[in-house]
Protein backbone atom coordinates (compact mmCIF):
# COMPACT_ATOMS: atom_id res chain seq x y z
CA MET A 1 109.35 81.04 94.55
CA ILE A 2 107.12 84.06 95.23
CA ARG A 3 106.96 86.44 92.28
CA SER A 4 107.56 90.14 92.87
CA LEU A 5 104.58 92.47 92.68
CA LYS A 6 106.61 94.63 90.29
CA SER A 7 105.80 92.16 87.52
CA ARG A 8 102.11 93.02 87.83
CA ASN A 9 100.81 96.25 86.29
CA ASN A 10 97.06 95.63 86.58
CA PRO A 11 95.75 96.75 90.04
CA LEU A 12 93.24 93.88 90.18
CA ALA A 13 95.95 91.40 89.25
CA ILE A 14 98.15 92.81 92.03
CA VAL A 15 95.36 92.28 94.57
CA ASP A 16 94.83 88.70 93.37
CA HIS A 17 98.57 88.06 93.48
CA GLN A 18 98.79 89.37 97.05
CA LEU A 19 95.92 87.17 98.19
CA ASP A 20 97.65 84.22 96.51
CA ILE A 21 100.82 85.01 98.49
CA LEU A 22 98.92 85.55 101.76
CA ARG A 23 97.78 81.94 101.99
CA PRO A 24 98.22 79.64 105.00
CA THR A 25 101.28 77.38 104.98
CA ARG A 26 102.65 74.61 107.17
CA THR A 27 104.15 77.20 109.51
CA VAL A 28 101.53 79.97 109.17
CA ALA A 29 98.08 78.74 110.17
CA PRO A 30 94.89 80.56 109.16
CA PHE A 31 94.20 83.51 111.43
CA ASP A 32 90.76 82.16 112.31
CA HIS A 33 92.42 79.00 113.64
CA GLN A 34 94.42 81.11 116.10
CA LEU A 35 91.20 82.72 117.29
CA ASP A 36 89.37 79.42 117.50
CA ASP A 37 92.15 77.77 119.52
CA ARG A 38 91.78 80.51 122.13
CA GLY A 39 88.00 80.68 122.17
CA LEU A 40 87.93 84.02 120.36
CA ALA A 41 86.22 82.95 117.13
CA PRO A 42 84.31 84.18 115.32
CA LEU A 43 85.60 87.74 115.38
CA ARG A 44 82.56 90.00 115.52
CA ALA A 45 82.07 93.74 115.22
CA SER A 46 80.57 95.89 117.94
CA VAL A 47 78.43 99.02 117.51
CA PRO A 48 80.26 101.33 115.03
CA GLU A 49 81.96 104.30 116.69
CA ILE A 50 84.33 105.45 113.93
CA LEU A 51 83.68 106.16 110.27
CA GLN A 52 87.01 105.97 108.45
CA ILE A 53 86.79 107.49 104.98
CA ASN A 54 89.46 106.97 102.32
CA LEU A 55 89.29 110.15 100.22
CA GLY A 56 91.49 108.75 97.49
CA ARG A 57 94.81 107.10 96.75
CA MET A 58 96.50 110.17 95.31
CA CYS A 59 99.49 111.31 97.37
CA ASN A 60 102.49 113.61 96.97
CA MET A 61 104.73 110.85 98.36
CA THR A 62 105.58 107.20 97.61
CA CYS A 63 106.64 105.76 100.98
CA LYS A 64 108.27 102.32 100.99
CA HIS A 65 105.99 100.94 103.72
CA CYS A 66 102.72 102.25 102.23
CA HIS A 67 99.99 99.59 102.38
CA VAL A 68 97.78 101.78 100.14
CA ASP A 69 100.35 101.92 97.32
CA ALA A 70 99.51 105.63 97.15
CA GLY A 71 101.37 108.11 94.99
CA PRO A 72 101.14 111.07 92.59
CA ASP A 73 100.07 108.82 89.72
CA ARG A 74 97.02 107.34 91.46
CA LYS A 75 93.73 108.65 90.06
CA GLU A 76 91.22 107.08 92.47
CA ILE A 77 89.46 109.87 94.34
CA MET A 78 86.19 110.12 96.27
CA SER A 79 83.43 112.22 94.71
CA ARG A 80 81.39 114.81 96.58
CA GLN A 81 78.33 112.62 96.02
CA THR A 82 79.94 109.74 97.91
CA MET A 83 81.03 112.17 100.64
CA ALA A 84 77.41 113.31 100.94
CA GLU A 85 76.36 109.68 101.38
CA CYS A 86 78.90 109.40 104.22
CA LEU A 87 77.40 112.50 105.82
CA GLU A 88 73.96 110.90 105.63
CA VAL A 89 75.31 108.05 107.75
CA LEU A 90 76.32 110.58 110.40
CA ASP A 91 72.85 112.09 110.28
CA ARG A 92 71.26 108.68 110.89
CA GLY A 93 73.46 107.37 113.67
CA PRO A 94 75.55 108.09 116.77
CA ILE A 95 79.00 107.68 115.20
CA ALA A 96 81.24 110.06 117.15
CA THR A 97 84.47 110.11 115.11
CA VAL A 98 85.25 110.62 111.43
CA ASP A 99 88.74 109.50 110.41
CA LEU A 100 89.92 110.96 107.08
CA THR A 101 92.63 109.06 105.27
CA GLY A 102 94.12 108.48 101.83
CA GLY A 103 96.66 108.78 100.08
CA ALA A 104 96.96 112.32 101.22
CA PRO A 105 93.35 113.15 102.10
CA GLU A 106 94.02 116.88 101.73
CA MET A 107 94.59 116.37 97.99
CA ASN A 108 90.91 115.65 97.45
CA PRO A 109 89.50 118.96 96.09
CA ASP A 110 86.46 118.63 98.39
CA PHE A 111 88.48 118.01 101.55
CA ARG A 112 87.73 121.39 103.13
CA TRP A 113 84.05 121.18 102.20
CA LEU A 114 83.81 117.78 103.89
CA VAL A 115 85.58 118.97 107.05
CA ARG A 116 83.17 121.92 107.34
CA GLU A 117 80.16 119.61 106.90
CA ILE A 118 81.43 117.17 109.53
CA ARG A 119 82.16 119.98 111.97
CA GLN A 120 78.60 121.29 111.55
CA ARG A 121 77.49 117.87 112.77
CA GLU A 122 79.73 118.27 115.83
CA ARG A 123 81.78 115.14 115.25
CA ARG A 124 85.39 114.56 116.18
CA ILE A 125 87.56 114.76 113.04
CA ILE A 126 90.93 113.06 112.46
CA ASP A 127 93.17 113.90 109.51
CA ARG A 128 95.85 111.31 108.69
CA CYS A 129 98.46 113.71 107.38
CA ASN A 130 101.87 112.94 105.88
CA LEU A 131 103.13 116.40 107.02
CA THR A 132 104.95 117.27 103.79
CA ILE A 133 101.62 117.95 102.09
CA LEU A 134 101.25 121.03 104.30
CA LEU A 135 104.26 122.62 102.56
CA THR A 136 103.01 122.20 99.00
CA PRO A 137 101.78 125.37 97.20
CA SER A 138 98.39 123.78 96.44
CA GLN A 139 97.71 123.46 100.19
CA GLU A 140 98.36 127.06 101.18
CA GLY A 141 96.47 127.90 104.37
CA MET A 142 95.75 124.23 105.18
CA THR A 143 97.55 124.38 108.55
CA GLU A 144 95.41 127.31 109.67
CA PHE A 145 92.27 125.65 108.28
CA LEU A 146 92.87 122.48 110.28
CA ALA A 147 93.43 124.52 113.42
CA GLU A 148 90.30 126.61 112.88
CA TYR A 149 88.12 123.51 112.62
CA GLU A 150 89.94 121.72 115.47
CA VAL A 151 90.87 118.75 113.33
CA GLU A 152 93.08 116.23 115.13
CA ILE A 153 96.29 115.48 113.26
CA VAL A 154 97.73 111.97 113.10
CA ALA A 155 101.01 112.34 111.25
CA SER A 156 103.54 109.78 110.06
CA LEU A 157 107.10 110.32 111.29
CA PRO A 158 109.04 107.04 111.19
CA PHE A 159 111.89 108.30 113.37
CA TYR A 160 113.39 111.32 115.13
CA SER A 161 116.39 111.41 112.80
CA ALA A 162 116.77 112.22 109.12
CA SER A 163 118.56 109.03 108.03
CA ASN A 164 115.89 106.59 109.22
CA THR A 165 112.98 108.74 108.09
CA ASP A 166 114.37 109.50 104.64
CA ARG A 167 115.23 105.84 104.08
CA GLN A 168 111.56 104.94 104.44
CA ARG A 169 109.85 108.01 103.01
CA GLY A 170 112.29 109.66 100.58
CA SER A 171 115.22 112.07 100.54
CA GLY A 172 114.59 115.36 102.35
CA VAL A 173 111.31 114.22 103.91
CA PHE A 174 112.53 114.53 107.50
CA GLU A 175 113.53 118.16 107.09
CA LYS A 176 110.17 119.00 105.50
CA SER A 177 108.33 117.08 108.22
CA ILE A 178 110.08 119.07 110.96
CA GLU A 179 109.14 122.32 109.23
CA ALA A 180 105.50 121.16 108.99
CA LEU A 181 105.51 120.20 112.68
CA ARG A 182 106.84 123.63 113.61
CA ARG A 183 104.02 125.25 111.65
CA LEU A 184 101.50 123.06 113.44
CA ASN A 185 103.03 123.95 116.80
CA ALA A 186 102.83 127.65 115.87
CA VAL A 187 99.02 127.44 115.60
CA GLY A 188 98.68 125.51 118.85
CA TYR A 189 98.97 121.87 117.83
CA GLY A 190 100.74 119.68 120.39
CA LYS A 191 100.50 122.38 123.06
CA PRO A 192 98.69 121.86 126.40
CA GLY A 193 95.32 123.55 126.79
CA THR A 194 94.77 124.35 123.11
CA GLY A 195 92.53 121.39 122.29
CA ARG A 196 94.52 120.89 119.08
CA LYS A 197 95.80 117.35 119.27
CA LEU A 198 98.86 116.24 117.34
CA CYS A 199 99.86 112.56 117.28
CA LEU A 200 102.81 111.00 115.49
CA VAL A 201 102.95 107.52 113.96
CA TYR A 202 105.99 105.25 114.07
CA ASN A 203 106.36 102.37 111.62
CA PRO A 204 109.43 100.08 111.87
CA ASN A 205 111.95 100.59 109.09
CA GLY A 206 112.22 96.92 108.24
CA ALA A 207 110.83 93.44 108.84
CA PHE A 208 110.45 93.61 112.62
CA LEU A 209 107.91 94.61 115.26
CA PRO A 210 107.72 98.05 116.87
CA PRO A 211 109.16 98.51 120.38
CA SER A 212 107.18 99.56 123.45
CA GLN A 213 104.91 102.46 122.50
CA ARG A 214 105.23 104.16 125.89
CA GLU A 215 109.02 104.02 126.00
CA LEU A 216 109.39 105.11 122.38
CA GLU A 217 107.03 108.03 122.94
CA GLU A 218 109.23 109.33 125.76
CA THR A 219 112.29 109.10 123.53
CA PHE A 220 110.56 110.80 120.59
CA LYS A 221 109.33 113.65 122.78
CA SER A 222 112.73 114.36 124.32
CA ARG A 223 114.69 114.06 121.06
CA LEU A 224 112.32 116.17 118.95
CA TRP A 225 112.06 118.87 121.61
CA ASP A 226 115.76 119.01 122.46
CA ARG A 227 116.97 118.95 118.85
CA PHE A 228 114.21 120.79 116.98
CA GLY A 229 111.90 122.46 119.51
CA VAL A 230 108.98 120.33 118.29
CA ALA A 231 106.16 119.19 120.60
CA PHE A 232 103.37 116.64 120.13
CA ASN A 233 100.77 114.90 122.28
CA GLU A 234 101.04 111.15 121.67
CA LEU A 235 102.99 108.59 119.65
CA TYR A 236 101.29 105.62 117.98
CA THR A 237 103.30 102.53 117.05
CA ILE A 238 101.88 100.61 114.10
CA THR A 239 103.12 97.27 112.79
CA ASN A 240 103.88 97.21 109.07
CA GLN A 241 101.24 95.29 107.13
CA PRO A 242 102.38 92.69 104.56
CA ILE A 243 100.39 94.48 101.87
CA ASN A 244 101.36 96.35 98.67
CA ARG A 245 104.74 98.12 98.92
CA PHE A 246 105.81 96.54 102.20
CA LEU A 247 104.85 93.12 100.88
CA GLU A 248 106.91 93.87 97.78
CA TYR A 249 109.86 94.78 100.01
CA LEU A 250 109.47 91.55 101.99
CA ILE A 251 109.42 89.46 98.81
CA ASP A 252 112.30 91.24 97.08
CA SER A 253 114.48 91.11 100.21
CA GLY A 254 113.67 87.46 100.91
CA ASN A 255 112.10 88.30 104.28
CA TYR A 256 108.47 87.34 103.67
CA GLU A 257 108.39 83.89 105.30
CA GLU A 258 110.50 85.03 108.26
CA TYR A 259 108.34 88.11 108.83
CA MET A 260 105.11 86.12 108.76
CA ARG A 261 106.52 83.59 111.22
CA ARG A 262 107.57 86.48 113.45
CA LEU A 263 104.02 87.85 113.42
CA VAL A 264 102.51 84.43 114.17
CA ASP A 265 104.95 83.71 117.00
CA ALA A 266 104.13 87.09 118.56
CA PHE A 267 100.34 86.57 118.40
CA ASN A 268 98.78 88.17 121.48
CA PRO A 269 95.20 87.15 122.34
CA ALA A 270 94.86 90.25 124.54
CA ALA A 271 95.27 92.44 121.45
CA VAL A 272 92.08 91.11 119.85
CA GLU A 273 89.69 93.12 122.02
CA GLY A 274 91.11 96.45 120.82
CA LEU A 275 91.25 95.72 117.09
CA MET A 276 90.05 98.69 115.04
CA CYS A 277 87.86 96.49 112.84
CA ARG A 278 85.56 95.89 115.79
CA ASN A 279 84.27 99.47 116.13
CA THR A 280 85.20 101.03 112.77
CA ILE A 281 83.50 101.23 109.38
CA SER A 282 86.02 101.63 106.56
CA VAL A 283 84.68 103.40 103.45
CA GLY A 284 86.62 103.11 100.21
CA TRP A 285 87.08 106.02 97.81
CA ASP A 286 84.21 104.59 95.73
CA GLY A 287 81.89 104.15 98.73
CA ARG A 288 82.30 100.41 99.17
CA LEU A 289 82.42 99.14 102.75
CA TYR A 290 85.18 97.19 104.49
CA ASP A 291 85.98 96.00 108.00
CA CYS A 292 89.26 97.92 108.02
CA ASP A 293 91.61 99.92 105.83
CA PHE A 294 93.83 96.88 105.28
CA ASN A 295 90.96 94.72 104.03
CA GLN A 296 90.10 97.61 101.74
CA MET A 297 93.52 97.42 100.07
CA LEU A 298 93.05 93.68 99.52
CA ASP A 299 89.51 94.23 98.19
CA LEU A 300 88.06 92.05 100.96
CA GLY A 301 84.58 93.52 101.27
CA VAL A 302 82.35 93.15 104.32
CA VAL A 303 80.01 90.25 104.96
CA PRO A 304 76.80 91.50 103.25
CA ARG A 305 74.93 92.29 106.43
CA GLY A 306 73.78 95.90 106.62
CA GLY A 307 74.97 96.86 103.13
CA ARG A 308 78.05 96.70 100.95
CA HIS A 309 78.07 100.38 99.94
CA VAL A 310 77.84 103.42 102.17
CA ARG A 311 74.57 104.47 100.53
CA GLU A 312 73.03 101.14 101.67
CA LEU A 313 74.48 101.15 105.17
CA ASP A 314 72.15 100.03 107.96
CA LEU A 315 74.03 100.70 111.20
CA GLU A 316 71.91 98.38 113.33
CA GLN A 317 72.37 95.46 110.95
CA PHE A 318 76.04 96.27 110.46
CA ALA A 319 76.78 95.83 114.17
CA GLY A 320 77.41 92.22 115.14
CA ARG A 321 78.60 91.14 111.69
CA THR A 322 81.39 88.58 111.36
CA ILE A 323 84.63 90.32 110.41
CA VAL A 324 86.49 89.13 107.31
CA THR A 325 90.02 88.06 108.25
CA GLY A 326 93.20 86.85 106.58
CA LEU A 327 96.89 86.24 107.28
CA HIS A 328 97.53 89.99 107.30
CA CYS A 329 95.49 90.19 110.53
CA TYR A 330 98.48 88.72 112.36
CA ALA A 331 100.13 92.14 112.03
CA CYS A 332 97.39 93.74 114.15
CA THR A 333 97.62 91.10 116.89
CA ALA A 334 101.39 90.71 117.22
CA GLY A 335 103.15 91.93 120.35
CA SER A 336 101.34 94.89 121.89
CA GLY A 337 98.81 94.90 119.06
CA SER A 338 98.40 97.50 116.35
CA SER A 339 95.57 99.70 115.15
CA CYS A 340 95.03 103.14 113.67
CA GLY A 341 95.27 104.36 117.27
CA GLY A 342 98.54 102.58 117.96
CA ALA A 343 99.13 99.69 120.36
CA THR A 344 95.98 97.93 121.62
CA THR A 345 97.40 96.53 124.88
């Protein structure tokens, strides 16, 4: 019987316990075997295009599906020194996009400083925002700041109704999210011709795969506009990762084995080409390097080619490395595929 993660209080022990759970079984073959059977192994990275920076695991929310296990009690936070080392990477190479994530990235006290520095380097900036953070007193003026610096917003909104959203993210979250979206719309986000892009993220509220991204986007747009007068540009569907809180849910509800089989059965070779690990460098709050944000949460560091820490990063050597994989990778290759930019096929 799989033990619940709740019985583990030590973060390192939780990681080890998750990796022990995420082992191949008779019905769930190693992910690399799937790739090899289809002539896709080994999975290799291309030239890095995106620098994804985790600014810390502190968050004002504790969402049930959170693969980061973020929350108000988390103390991990990126220092300005490590941010400066990330900026040095931009100065040395052609990386076009900087993707800021957390936790709630805005809670890092140097968030605005970093955004200004990135904008000076004329890079595209993405802020992975939980929306409710924009209503907190400590973030006064953040909406206007993001608009001024033309930061793209990628915001989690599990559904277009309160019941489904609040079930996943907490009581009252939907109402606050709608208010935050209205504020973003008021400064031009989600509106044609403004250049202020607003994307929403849908995660299934349970142990199943997301529906068609295109069809769901049409429904989201019509429902949010008709009911609340809210507009946005695109919807991303992302498959829930069997990591941290969602893994805990799967174990406690007895759905783990069934969910993993569902992911394996839905494996889509066409989704492999668009995996985010292929063109993204994931930087942890402490500067350590990973192939993706999910590997980061499982403490699966990169193959030591081109550096293990952002201060050591050699972009030329980093390209072409073999990507570290595990059973959780099935979530990114199931159905239409899943990445930080939504479906991959």
